[in-house]
Amino acid sequence: MVVSGKVHYKHHQIDFEVRMNHEDIKEGEIASEEAKHELIHAINRKFRVKYPLSSTIDPVHVRTF
């Protein structure tokens, strides 16, 4: 699936779109801390940034293919 949205930390934010599969990520919500951490790691790898695990992700959009 493709997960997209905005990741925020203090005064910094970016729009993102990453491919990942996690059953706890659904349209509009991230149901577990584990899923959020995996998503932040995927964003950090793809965009070569260092958002901490305490960052917020809102909104979350999911597309499956």
C-alpha atoms as a PDB file:
ATOM      1  CA  MET A   1       0.000   0.000   0.000  1.00  0.00           C
ATOM      2  CA  VAL A   2       0.993   3.636  -0.396  1.00  0.00           C
ATOM      3  CA  VAL A   3       0.772   5.827   2.696  1.00  0.00           C
ATOM      4  CA  SER A   4       0.826   9.606   2.316  1.00  0.00           C
ATOM      5  CA  GLY A   5       0.279  12.669   4.474  1.00  0.00           C
ATOM      6  CA  LYS A   6       2.301  15.222   6.443  1.00  0.00           C
ATOM      7  CA  VAL A   7       4.828  14.594   9.180  1.00  0.00           C
ATOM      8  CA  HIS A   8       5.280  17.424  11.727  1.00  0.00           C
ATOM      9  CA  TYR A   9       7.947  18.116  14.332  1.00  0.00           C
ATOM     10  CA  LYS A  10       8.113  21.522  16.033  1.00  0.00           C
ATOM     11  CA  HIS A  11       8.327  24.059  13.162  1.00  0.00           C
ATOM     12  CA  HIS A  12       9.296  21.520  10.497  1.00  0.00           C
ATOM     13  CA  GLN A  13       6.998  19.532   8.261  1.00  0.00           C
ATOM     14  CA  ILE A  14       7.092  17.697   4.952  1.00  0.00           C
ATOM     15  CA  ASP A  15       4.566  15.988   2.723  1.00  0.00           C
ATOM     16  CA  PHE A  16       5.400  12.335   2.238  1.00  0.00           C
ATOM     17  CA  GLU A  17       4.395   9.297   0.230  1.00  0.00           C
ATOM     18  CA  VAL A  18       5.960   5.927   1.052  1.00  0.00           C
ATOM     19  CA  ARG A  19       5.225   2.303   0.216  1.00  0.00           C
ATOM     20  CA  MET A  20       4.787   0.039   3.196  1.00  0.00           C
ATOM     21  CA  ASN A  21       2.523  -2.687   4.490  1.00  0.00           C
ATOM     22  CA  HIS A  22       1.231  -2.574   8.040  1.00  0.00           C
ATOM     23  CA  GLU A  23      -2.153  -3.809   9.205  1.00  0.00           C
ATOM     24  CA  ASP A  24      -2.418  -1.042  11.850  1.00  0.00           C
ATOM     25  CA  ILE A  25      -2.349   1.788   9.295  1.00  0.00           C
ATOM     26  CA  LYS A  26      -5.734   2.671   7.851  1.00  0.00           C
ATOM     27  CA  GLU A  27      -7.244   5.725   6.190  1.00  0.00           C
ATOM     28  CA  GLY A  28      -7.159   8.538   8.742  1.00  0.00           C
ATOM     29  CA  GLU A  29      -5.520   6.610  11.588  1.00  0.00           C
ATOM     30  CA  ILE A  30      -2.427   4.836  12.821  1.00  0.00           C
ATOM     31  CA  ALA A  31      -3.655   2.285  15.348  1.00  0.00           C
ATOM     32  CA  SER A  32      -0.368   1.411  17.109  1.00  0.00           C
ATOM     33  CA  GLU A  33       2.890   3.027  18.176  1.00  0.00           C
ATOM     34  CA  GLU A  34       4.783   0.270  16.348  1.00  0.00           C
ATOM     35  CA  ALA A  35       3.105   1.216  13.058  1.00  0.00           C
ATOM     36  CA  LYS A  36       3.863   4.905  13.654  1.00  0.00           C
ATOM     37  CA  HIS A  37       7.532   4.140  14.355  1.00  0.00           C
ATOM     38  CA  GLU A  38       7.835   2.015  11.204  1.00  0.00           C
ATOM     39  CA  LEU A  39       6.232   4.788   9.155  1.00  0.00           C
ATOM     40  CA  ILE A  40       8.579   7.452  10.574  1.00  0.00           C
ATOM     41  CA  HIS A  41      11.582   5.202   9.844  1.00  0.00           C
ATOM     42  CA  ALA A  42      10.350   4.732   6.251  1.00  0.00           C
ATOM     43  CA  ILE A  43       9.952   8.516   5.848  1.00  0.00           C
ATOM     44  CA  ASN A  44      13.423   9.164   7.297  1.00  0.00           C
ATOM     45  CA  ARG A  45      15.012   6.599   4.945  1.00  0.00           C
ATOM     46  CA  LYS A  46      13.249   7.815   1.807  1.00  0.00           C
ATOM     47  CA  PHE A  47      13.768  11.547   2.341  1.00  0.00           C
ATOM     48  CA  ARG A  48      17.096  11.327   4.227  1.00  0.00           C
ATOM     49  CA  VAL A  49      15.741  13.284   7.179  1.00  0.00           C
ATOM     50  CA  LYS A  50      15.812  12.606  10.921  1.00  0.00           C
ATOM     51  CA  TYR A  51      12.302  13.065  12.255  1.00  0.00           C
ATOM     52  CA  PRO A  52      12.154  11.734  15.844  1.00  0.00           C
ATOM     53  CA  LEU A  53       9.652   9.081  16.868  1.00  0.00           C
ATOM     54  CA  SER A  54       7.725  11.764  18.782  1.00  0.00           C
ATOM     55  CA  SER A  55       6.750  13.481  15.503  1.00  0.00           C
ATOM     56  CA  THR A  56       3.085  13.718  14.595  1.00  0.00           C
ATOM     57  CA  ILE A  57       1.633  12.420  11.348  1.00  0.00           C
ATOM     58  CA  ASP A  58      -1.592  14.010  10.213  1.00  0.00           C
ATOM     59  CA  PRO A  59      -3.470  13.435   7.990  1.00  0.00           C
ATOM     60  CA  VAL A  60      -2.835   9.846   6.908  1.00  0.00           C
ATOM     61  CA  HIS A  61      -4.094   8.640   3.534  1.00  0.00           C
ATOM     62  CA  VAL A  62      -3.848   5.042   2.334  1.00  0.00           C
ATOM     63  CA  ARG A  63      -4.078   3.683  -1.204  1.00  0.00           C
ATOM     64  CA  THR A  64      -3.938  -0.007  -1.933  1.00  0.00           C
ATOM     65  CA  PHE A  65      -3.076  -1.538  -5.267  1.00  0.00           C
END
